[in-house]
Amino acid sequence: MDLFTIPLTILLLIFMALSIITTVKKRKAAGVTGIKSALTPICFYSVAVVAIFTFWFDIIGLVSWTLIIILMILGAFFTKYLPVN
């Protein structure tokens, strides 16, 4: 393991948690409900989780890349359910 592996992972998890909290608060403030409009952020947060998982367990390869690409495509697809301001 590298010297910066653990601190960078902790930093990523902290910023990801702050981002999720902010997203949930903004959705509540805007009155947005339902799972369809939450699928885009869920897919993008899942990309970060998969990236952390593959990095820590050294399974970076075709399967992880395929999963990340699929999640990105799904996240882009579900943007049609986001409310227009």
PDB file of N, CA and C in Angstrom:
ATOM      1  N   MET A   1       0.830  -1.181   0.000  1.00  0.00           N
ATOM      2  CA  MET A   1       0.000   0.000   0.000  1.00  0.00           C
ATOM      3  C   MET A   1       0.874   1.244   0.000  1.00  0.00           C
ATOM      4  N   ASP A   2       0.359   2.224  -0.602  1.00  0.00           N
ATOM      5  CA  ASP A   2       1.046   3.502  -0.713  1.00  0.00           C
ATOM      6  C   ASP A   2       0.807   4.339   0.551  1.00  0.00           C
ATOM      7  N   LEU A   3       1.622   5.326   0.747  1.00  0.00           N
ATOM      8  CA  LEU A   3       1.509   6.203   1.908  1.00  0.00           C
ATOM      9  C   LEU A   3       0.195   6.978   1.911  1.00  0.00           C
ATOM     10  N   PHE A   4      -0.320   7.318   0.737  1.00  0.00           N
ATOM     11  CA  PHE A   4      -1.513   8.151   0.644  1.00  0.00           C
ATOM     12  C   PHE A   4      -2.801   7.361   0.470  1.00  0.00           C
ATOM     13  N   THR A   5      -2.753   6.052   0.467  1.00  0.00           N
ATOM     14  CA  THR A   5      -3.925   5.245   0.189  1.00  0.00           C
ATOM     15  C   THR A   5      -5.015   5.431   1.236  1.00  0.00           C
ATOM     16  N   ILE A   6      -4.681   5.254   2.479  1.00  0.00           N
ATOM     17  CA  ILE A   6      -5.688   5.337   3.538  1.00  0.00           C
ATOM     18  C   ILE A   6      -6.215   6.766   3.704  1.00  0.00           C
ATOM     19  N   PRO A   7      -5.352   7.787   3.779  1.00  0.00           N
ATOM     20  CA  PRO A   7      -5.902   9.146   3.924  1.00  0.00           C
ATOM     21  C   PRO A   7      -6.781   9.582   2.752  1.00  0.00           C
ATOM     22  N   LEU A   8      -6.411   9.211   1.538  1.00  0.00           N
ATOM     23  CA  LEU A   8      -7.217   9.599   0.388  1.00  0.00           C
ATOM     24  C   LEU A   8      -8.556   8.865   0.370  1.00  0.00           C
ATOM     25  N   THR A   9      -8.563   7.619   0.802  1.00  0.00           N
ATOM     26  CA  THR A   9      -9.813   6.879   0.879  1.00  0.00           C
ATOM     27  C   THR A   9     -10.727   7.487   1.935  1.00  0.00           C
ATOM     28  N   ILE A  10     -10.177   7.832   3.074  1.00  0.00           N
ATOM     29  CA  ILE A  10     -10.971   8.470   4.126  1.00  0.00           C
ATOM     30  C   ILE A  10     -11.514   9.811   3.653  1.00  0.00           C
ATOM     31  N   LEU A  11     -10.683  10.579   2.974  1.00  0.00           N
ATOM     32  CA  LEU A  11     -11.110  11.871   2.439  1.00  0.00           C
ATOM     33  C   LEU A  11     -12.238  11.695   1.423  1.00  0.00           C
ATOM     34  N   LEU A  12     -12.119  10.717   0.555  1.00  0.00           N
ATOM     35  CA  LEU A  12     -13.166  10.445  -0.426  1.00  0.00           C
ATOM     36  C   LEU A  12     -14.463  10.050   0.255  1.00  0.00           C
ATOM     37  N   LEU A  13     -14.388   9.210   1.274  1.00  0.00           N
ATOM     38  CA  LEU A  13     -15.589   8.791   1.986  1.00  0.00           C
ATOM     39  C   LEU A  13     -16.246   9.958   2.728  1.00  0.00           C
ATOM     40  N   ILE A  14     -15.445  10.845   3.287  1.00  0.00           N
ATOM     41  CA  ILE A  14     -16.000  12.016   3.969  1.00  0.00           C
ATOM     42  C   ILE A  14     -16.733  12.922   2.977  1.00  0.00           C
ATOM     43  N   PHE A  15     -16.088  13.219   1.854  1.00  0.00           N
ATOM     44  CA  PHE A  15     -16.722  14.086   0.866  1.00  0.00           C
ATOM     45  C   PHE A  15     -17.938  13.421   0.226  1.00  0.00           C
ATOM     46  N   MET A  16     -17.889  12.116   0.082  1.00  0.00           N
ATOM     47  CA  MET A  16     -19.039  11.405  -0.469  1.00  0.00           C
ATOM     48  C   MET A  16     -20.216  11.467   0.507  1.00  0.00           C
ATOM     49  N   ALA A  17     -19.954  11.303   1.795  1.00  0.00           N
ATOM     50  CA  ALA A  17     -21.016  11.394   2.803  1.00  0.00           C
ATOM     51  C   ALA A  17     -21.610  12.806   2.831  1.00  0.00           C
ATOM     52  N   LEU A  18     -20.757  13.818   2.778  1.00  0.00           N
ATOM     53  CA  LEU A  18     -21.248  15.201   2.740  1.00  0.00           C
ATOM     54  C   LEU A  18     -22.089  15.465   1.488  1.00  0.00           C
ATOM     55  N   SER A  19     -21.669  14.903   0.384  1.00  0.00           N
ATOM     56  CA  SER A  19     -22.403  15.076  -0.864  1.00  0.00           C
ATOM     57  C   SER A  19     -23.769  14.391  -0.802  1.00  0.00           C
ATOM     58  N   ILE A  20     -23.824  13.215  -0.215  1.00  0.00           N
ATOM     59  CA  ILE A  20     -25.104  12.505  -0.086  1.00  0.00           C
ATOM     60  C   ILE A  20     -26.046  13.282   0.832  1.00  0.00           C
ATOM     61  N   ILE A  21     -25.529  13.786   1.933  1.00  0.00           N
ATOM     62  CA  ILE A  21     -26.354  14.575   2.859  1.00  0.00           C
ATOM     63  C   ILE A  21     -26.888  15.822   2.166  1.00  0.00           C
ATOM     64  N   THR A  22     -26.038  16.502   1.403  1.00  0.00           N
ATOM     65  CA  THR A  22     -26.461  17.696   0.682  1.00  0.00           C
ATOM     66  C   THR A  22     -27.524  17.363  -0.365  1.00  0.00           C
ATOM     67  N   THR A  23     -27.350  16.268  -1.065  1.00  0.00           N
ATOM     68  CA  THR A  23     -28.319  15.866  -2.086  1.00  0.00           C
ATOM     69  C   THR A  23     -29.676  15.567  -1.462  1.00  0.00           C
ATOM     70  N   VAL A  24     -29.684  14.860  -0.350  1.00  0.00           N
ATOM     71  CA  VAL A  24     -30.941  14.533   0.318  1.00  0.00           C
ATOM     72  C   VAL A  24     -31.625  15.795   0.826  1.00  0.00           C
ATOM     73  N   LYS A  25     -30.864  16.721   1.406  1.00  0.00           N
ATOM     74  CA  LYS A  25     -31.446  17.974   1.901  1.00  0.00           C
ATOM     75  C   LYS A  25     -32.031  18.808   0.767  1.00  0.00           C
ATOM     76  N   LYS A  26     -31.325  18.883  -0.350  1.00  0.00           N
ATOM     77  CA  LYS A  26     -31.826  19.655  -1.487  1.00  0.00           C
ATOM     78  C   LYS A  26     -33.078  19.034  -2.078  1.00  0.00           C
ATOM     79  N   ARG A  27     -33.131  17.704  -2.103  1.00  0.00           N
ATOM     80  CA  ARG A  27     -34.334  17.025  -2.614  1.00  0.00           C
ATOM     81  C   ARG A  27     -35.525  17.307  -1.703  1.00  0.00           C
ATOM     82  N   LYS A  28     -35.303  17.287  -0.397  1.00  0.00           N
ATOM     83  CA  LYS A  28     -36.392  17.578   0.545  1.00  0.00           C
ATOM     84  C   LYS A  28     -36.837  19.030   0.439  1.00  0.00           C
ATOM     85  N   ALA A  29     -35.885  19.943   0.306  1.00  0.00           N
ATOM     86  CA  ALA A  29     -36.222  21.360   0.206  1.00  0.00           C
ATOM     87  C   ALA A  29     -37.000  21.661  -1.072  1.00  0.00           C
ATOM     88  N   ALA A  30     -36.680  20.962  -2.141  1.00  0.00           N
ATOM     89  CA  ALA A  30     -37.368  21.176  -3.411  1.00  0.00           C
ATOM     90  C   ALA A  30     -38.686  20.414  -3.479  1.00  0.00           C
ATOM     91  N   GLY A  31     -38.919  19.539  -2.513  1.00  0.00           N
ATOM     92  CA  GLY A  31     -40.155  18.758  -2.511  1.00  0.00           C
ATOM     93  C   GLY A  31     -40.152  17.617  -3.509  1.00  0.00           C
ATOM     94  N   VAL A  32     -38.984  17.188  -3.899  1.00  0.00           N
ATOM     95  CA  VAL A  32     -38.865  16.096  -4.869  1.00  0.00           C
ATOM     96  C   VAL A  32     -38.987  14.776  -4.122  1.00  0.00           C
ATOM     97  N   THR A  33     -39.892  13.938  -4.590  1.00  0.00           N
ATOM     98  CA  THR A  33     -40.077  12.618  -3.987  1.00  0.00           C
ATOM     99  C   THR A  33     -40.005  11.557  -5.068  1.00  0.00           C
ATOM    100  N   GLY A  34     -39.953  10.326  -4.638  1.00  0.00           N
ATOM    101  CA  GLY A  34     -39.937   9.225  -5.589  1.00  0.00           C
ATOM    102  C   GLY A  34     -38.538   8.710  -5.849  1.00  0.00           C
ATOM    103  N   ILE A  35     -38.490   7.466  -6.254  1.00  0.00           N
ATOM    104  CA  ILE A  35     -37.205   6.803  -6.480  1.00  0.00           C
ATOM    105  C   ILE A  35     -36.644   7.096  -7.870  1.00  0.00           C
ATOM    106  N   LYS A  36     -37.522   7.367  -8.830  1.00  0.00           N
ATOM    107  CA  LYS A  36     -37.026   7.559 -10.200  1.00  0.00           C
ATOM    108  C   LYS A  36     -36.074   8.741 -10.320  1.00  0.00           C
ATOM    109  N   SER A  37     -36.385   9.826  -9.636  1.00  0.00           N
ATOM    110  CA  SER A  37     -35.518  10.996  -9.723  1.00  0.00           C
ATOM    111  C   SER A  37     -34.255  10.839  -8.887  1.00  0.00           C
ATOM    112  N   ALA A  38     -34.217   9.839  -8.020  1.00  0.00           N
ATOM    113  CA  ALA A  38     -33.022   9.601  -7.202  1.00  0.00           C
ATOM    114  C   ALA A  38     -32.081   8.589  -7.846  1.00  0.00           C
ATOM    115  N   LEU A  39     -32.477   7.990  -8.948  1.00  0.00           N
ATOM    116  CA  LEU A  39     -31.650   6.951  -9.567  1.00  0.00           C
ATOM    117  C   LEU A  39     -30.347   7.485 -10.146  1.00  0.00           C
ATOM    118  N   THR A  40     -30.352   8.692 -10.672  1.00  0.00           N
ATOM    119  CA  THR A  40     -29.113   9.264 -11.207  1.00  0.00           C
ATOM    120  C   THR A  40     -28.056   9.448 -10.125  1.00  0.00           C
ATOM    121  N   PRO A  41     -28.372  10.106  -8.998  1.00  0.00           N
ATOM    122  CA  PRO A  41     -27.345  10.205  -7.959  1.00  0.00           C
ATOM    123  C   PRO A  41     -26.943   8.854  -7.381  1.00  0.00           C
ATOM    124  N   ILE A  42     -27.889   7.940  -7.267  1.00  0.00           N
ATOM    125  CA  ILE A  42     -27.563   6.609  -6.745  1.00  0.00           C
ATOM    126  C   ILE A  42     -26.553   5.917  -7.645  1.00  0.00           C
ATOM    127  N   CYS A  43     -26.756   6.006  -8.950  1.00  0.00           N
ATOM    128  CA  CYS A  43     -25.814   5.378  -9.891  1.00  0.00           C
ATOM    129  C   CYS A  43     -24.432   6.012  -9.801  1.00  0.00           C
ATOM    130  N   PHE A  44     -24.385   7.332  -9.695  1.00  0.00           N
ATOM    131  CA  PHE A  44     -23.085   7.999  -9.640  1.00  0.00           C
ATOM    132  C   PHE A  44     -22.370   7.742  -8.317  1.00  0.00           C
ATOM    133  N   TYR A  45     -23.106   7.662  -7.219  1.00  0.00           N
ATOM    134  CA  TYR A  45     -22.478   7.304  -5.946  1.00  0.00           C
ATOM    135  C   TYR A  45     -22.010   5.853  -5.970  1.00  0.00           C
ATOM    136  N   SER A  46     -22.741   5.013  -6.667  1.00  0.00           N
ATOM    137  CA  SER A  46     -22.339   3.607  -6.791  1.00  0.00           C
ATOM    138  C   SER A  46     -21.028   3.470  -7.566  1.00  0.00           C
ATOM    139  N   VAL A  47     -20.806   4.352  -8.522  1.00  0.00           N
ATOM    140  CA  VAL A  47     -19.535   4.346  -9.253  1.00  0.00           C
ATOM    141  C   VAL A  47     -18.380   4.578  -8.286  1.00  0.00           C
ATOM    142  N   ALA A  48     -18.539   5.539  -7.379  1.00  0.00           N
ATOM    143  CA  ALA A  48     -17.482   5.810  -6.401  1.00  0.00           C
ATOM    144  C   ALA A  48     -17.263   4.619  -5.476  1.00  0.00           C
ATOM    145  N   VAL A  49     -18.342   3.964  -5.060  1.00  0.00           N
ATOM    146  CA  VAL A  49     -18.224   2.802  -4.178  1.00  0.00           C
ATOM    147  C   VAL A  49     -17.522   1.653  -4.892  1.00  0.00           C
ATOM    148  N   VAL A  50     -17.886   1.413  -6.139  1.00  0.00           N
ATOM    149  CA  VAL A  50     -17.234   0.352  -6.917  1.00  0.00           C
ATOM    150  C   VAL A  50     -15.758   0.665  -7.112  1.00  0.00           C
ATOM    151  N   ALA A  51     -15.440   1.923  -7.379  1.00  0.00           N
ATOM    152  CA  ALA A  51     -14.039   2.310  -7.572  1.00  0.00           C
ATOM    153  C   ALA A  51     -13.224   2.092  -6.302  1.00  0.00           C
ATOM    154  N   ILE A  52     -13.781   2.464  -5.157  1.00  0.00           N
ATOM    155  CA  ILE A  52     -13.077   2.230  -3.885  1.00  0.00           C
ATOM    156  C   ILE A  52     -12.896   0.744  -3.642  1.00  0.00           C
ATOM    157  N   PHE A  53     -13.957  -0.023  -3.867  1.00  0.00           N
ATOM    158  CA  PHE A  53     -13.911  -1.472  -3.647  1.00  0.00           C
ATOM    159  C   PHE A  53     -12.858  -2.136  -4.534  1.00  0.00           C
ATOM    160  N   THR A  54     -12.838  -1.779  -5.807  1.00  0.00           N
ATOM    161  CA  THR A  54     -11.868  -2.393  -6.715  1.00  0.00           C
ATOM    162  C   THR A  54     -10.441  -1.966  -6.400  1.00  0.00           C
ATOM    163  N   PHE A  55     -10.279  -0.743  -5.928  1.00  0.00           N
ATOM    164  CA  PHE A  55      -8.941  -0.266  -5.576  1.00  0.00           C
ATOM    165  C   PHE A  55      -8.392  -1.007  -4.364  1.00  0.00           C
ATOM    166  N   TRP A  56      -9.215  -1.157  -3.339  1.00  0.00           N
ATOM    167  CA  TRP A  56      -8.754  -1.775  -2.100  1.00  0.00           C
ATOM    168  C   TRP A  56      -8.524  -3.275  -2.240  1.00  0.00           C
ATOM    169  N   PHE A  57      -9.314  -3.939  -3.081  1.00  0.00           N
ATOM    170  CA  PHE A  57      -9.186  -5.388  -3.202  1.00  0.00           C
ATOM    171  C   PHE A  57      -8.459  -5.826  -4.470  1.00  0.00           C
ATOM    172  N   ASP A  58      -7.848  -4.884  -5.160  1.00  0.00           N
ATOM    173  CA  ASP A  58      -7.031  -5.167  -6.352  1.00  0.00           C
ATOM    174  C   ASP A  58      -7.749  -6.026  -7.387  1.00  0.00           C
ATOM    175  N   ILE A  59      -8.980  -5.678  -7.672  1.00  0.00           N
ATOM    176  CA  ILE A  59      -9.711  -6.401  -8.713  1.00  0.00           C
ATOM    177  C   ILE A  59     -10.011  -5.467  -9.889  1.00  0.00           C
ATOM    178  N   ILE A  60      -9.067  -4.550 -10.105  1.00  0.00           N
ATOM    179  CA  ILE A  60      -9.219  -3.633 -11.220  1.00  0.00           C
ATOM    180  C   ILE A  60      -9.033  -4.435 -12.505  1.00  0.00           C
ATOM    181  N   GLY A  61     -10.062  -4.465 -13.301  1.00  0.00           N
ATOM    182  CA  GLY A  61     -10.014  -5.238 -14.522  1.00  0.00           C
ATOM    183  C   GLY A  61     -11.275  -5.036 -15.336  1.00  0.00           C
ATOM    184  N   LEU A  62     -11.517  -5.972 -16.199  1.00  0.00           N
ATOM    185  CA  LEU A  62     -12.633  -5.860 -17.132  1.00  0.00           C
ATOM    186  C   LEU A  62     -13.976  -5.814 -16.417  1.00  0.00           C
ATOM    187  N   VAL A  63     -14.143  -6.585 -15.369  1.00  0.00           N
ATOM    188  CA  VAL A  63     -15.429  -6.630 -14.667  1.00  0.00           C
ATOM    189  C   VAL A  63     -15.728  -5.291 -13.999  1.00  0.00           C
ATOM    190  N   SER A  64     -14.746  -4.732 -13.305  1.00  0.00           N
ATOM    191  CA  SER A  64     -14.989  -3.464 -12.630  1.00  0.00           C
ATOM    192  C   SER A  64     -15.199  -2.324 -13.628  1.00  0.00           C
ATOM    193  N   TRP A  65     -14.437  -2.310 -14.698  1.00  0.00           N
ATOM    194  CA  TRP A  65     -14.617  -1.284 -15.718  1.00  0.00           C
ATOM    195  C   TRP A  65     -15.993  -1.406 -16.365  1.00  0.00           C
ATOM    196  N   THR A  66     -16.407  -2.618 -16.644  1.00  0.00           N
ATOM    197  CA  THR A  66     -17.727  -2.832 -17.242  1.00  0.00           C
ATOM    198  C   THR A  66     -18.823  -2.363 -16.302  1.00  0.00           C
ATOM    199  N   LEU A  67     -18.696  -2.689 -15.030  1.00  0.00           N
ATOM    200  CA  LEU A  67     -19.688  -2.262 -14.048  1.00  0.00           C
ATOM    201  C   LEU A  67     -19.736  -0.735 -13.931  1.00  0.00           C
ATOM    202  N   ILE A  68     -18.589  -0.101 -13.947  1.00  0.00           N
ATOM    203  CA  ILE A  68     -18.550   1.360 -13.861  1.00  0.00           C
ATOM    204  C   ILE A  68     -19.166   1.993 -15.106  1.00  0.00           C
ATOM    205  N   ILE A  69     -18.863   1.463 -16.271  1.00  0.00           N
ATOM    206  CA  ILE A  69     -19.437   1.991 -17.519  1.00  0.00           C
ATOM    207  C   ILE A  69     -20.954   1.821 -17.516  1.00  0.00           C
ATOM    208  N   ILE A  70     -21.441   0.667 -17.083  1.00  0.00           N
ATOM    209  CA  ILE A  70     -22.887   0.425 -17.031  1.00  0.00           C
ATOM    210  C   ILE A  70     -23.560   1.391 -16.066  1.00  0.00           C
ATOM    211  N   LEU A  71     -22.953   1.608 -14.900  1.00  0.00           N
ATOM    212  CA  LEU A  71     -23.531   2.547 -13.938  1.00  0.00           C
ATOM    213  C   LEU A  71     -23.544   3.976 -14.480  1.00  0.00           C
ATOM    214  N   MET A  72     -22.498   4.362 -15.200  1.00  0.00           N
ATOM    215  CA  MET A  72     -22.465   5.700 -15.796  1.00  0.00           C
ATOM    216  C   MET A  72     -23.558   5.854 -16.861  1.00  0.00           C
ATOM    217  N   ILE A  73     -23.730   4.837 -17.683  1.00  0.00           N
ATOM    218  CA  ILE A  73     -24.767   4.888 -18.720  1.00  0.00           C
ATOM    219  C   ILE A  73     -26.154   4.932 -18.076  1.00  0.00           C
ATOM    220  N   LEU A  74     -26.374   4.125 -17.037  1.00  0.00           N
ATOM    221  CA  LEU A  74     -27.658   4.145 -16.343  1.00  0.00           C
ATOM    222  C   LEU A  74     -27.909   5.504 -15.686  1.00  0.00           C
ATOM    223  N   GLY A  75     -26.867   6.074 -15.085  1.00  0.00           N
ATOM    224  CA  GLY A  75     -27.013   7.397 -14.487  1.00  0.00           C
ATOM    225  C   GLY A  75     -27.386   8.449 -15.519  1.00  0.00           C
ATOM    226  N   ALA A  76     -26.775   8.373 -16.681  1.00  0.00           N
ATOM    227  CA  ALA A  76     -27.111   9.315 -17.754  1.00  0.00           C
ATOM    228  C   ALA A  76     -28.521   9.054 -18.278  1.00  0.00           C
ATOM    229  N   PHE A  77     -28.932   7.802 -18.354  1.00  0.00           N
ATOM    230  CA  PHE A  77     -30.262   7.459 -18.844  1.00  0.00           C
ATOM    231  C   PHE A  77     -31.352   7.982 -17.908  1.00  0.00           C
ATOM    232  N   PHE A  78     -31.125   7.871 -16.605  1.00  0.00           N
ATOM    233  CA  PHE A  78     -32.144   8.264 -15.641  1.00  0.00           C
ATOM    234  C   PHE A  78     -32.223   9.770 -15.421  1.00  0.00           C
ATOM    235  N   THR A  79     -31.390  10.555 -16.099  1.00  0.00           N
ATOM    236  CA  THR A  79     -31.504  12.005 -15.969  1.00  0.00           C
ATOM    237  C   THR A  79     -32.827  12.521 -16.536  1.00  0.00           C
ATOM    238  N   LYS A  80     -33.475  11.735 -17.346  1.00  0.00           N
ATOM    239  CA  LYS A  80     -34.773  12.174 -17.880  1.00  0.00           C
ATOM    240  C   LYS A  80     -35.843  12.242 -16.797  1.00  0.00           C
ATOM    241  N   TYR A  81     -35.604  11.612 -15.659  1.00  0.00           N
ATOM    242  CA  TYR A  81     -36.547  11.653 -14.549  1.00  0.00           C
ATOM    243  C   TYR A  81     -36.252  12.777 -13.554  1.00  0.00           C
ATOM    244  N   LEU A  82     -35.167  13.521 -13.763  1.00  0.00           N
ATOM    245  CA  LEU A  82     -34.852  14.632 -12.881  1.00  0.00           C
ATOM    246  C   LEU A  82     -35.836  15.772 -13.130  1.00  0.00           C
ATOM    247  N   PRO A  83     -36.269  16.429 -12.056  1.00  0.00           N
ATOM    248  CA  PRO A  83     -37.219  17.530 -12.250  1.00  0.00           C
ATOM    249  C   PRO A  83     -36.534  18.740 -12.889  1.00  0.00           C
ATOM    250  N   VAL A  84     -37.296  19.448 -13.713  1.00  0.00           N
ATOM    251  CA  VAL A  84     -36.779  20.636 -14.374  1.00  0.00           C
ATOM    252  C   VAL A  84     -37.168  21.840 -13.526  1.00  0.00           C
ATOM    253  N   ASN A  85     -36.196  22.686 -13.229  1.00  0.00           N
ATOM    254  CA  ASN A  85     -36.463  23.876 -12.407  1.00  0.00           C
ATOM    255  C   ASN A  85     -36.831  25.048 -13.276  1.00  0.00           C
TER     256      ASN A  85
END
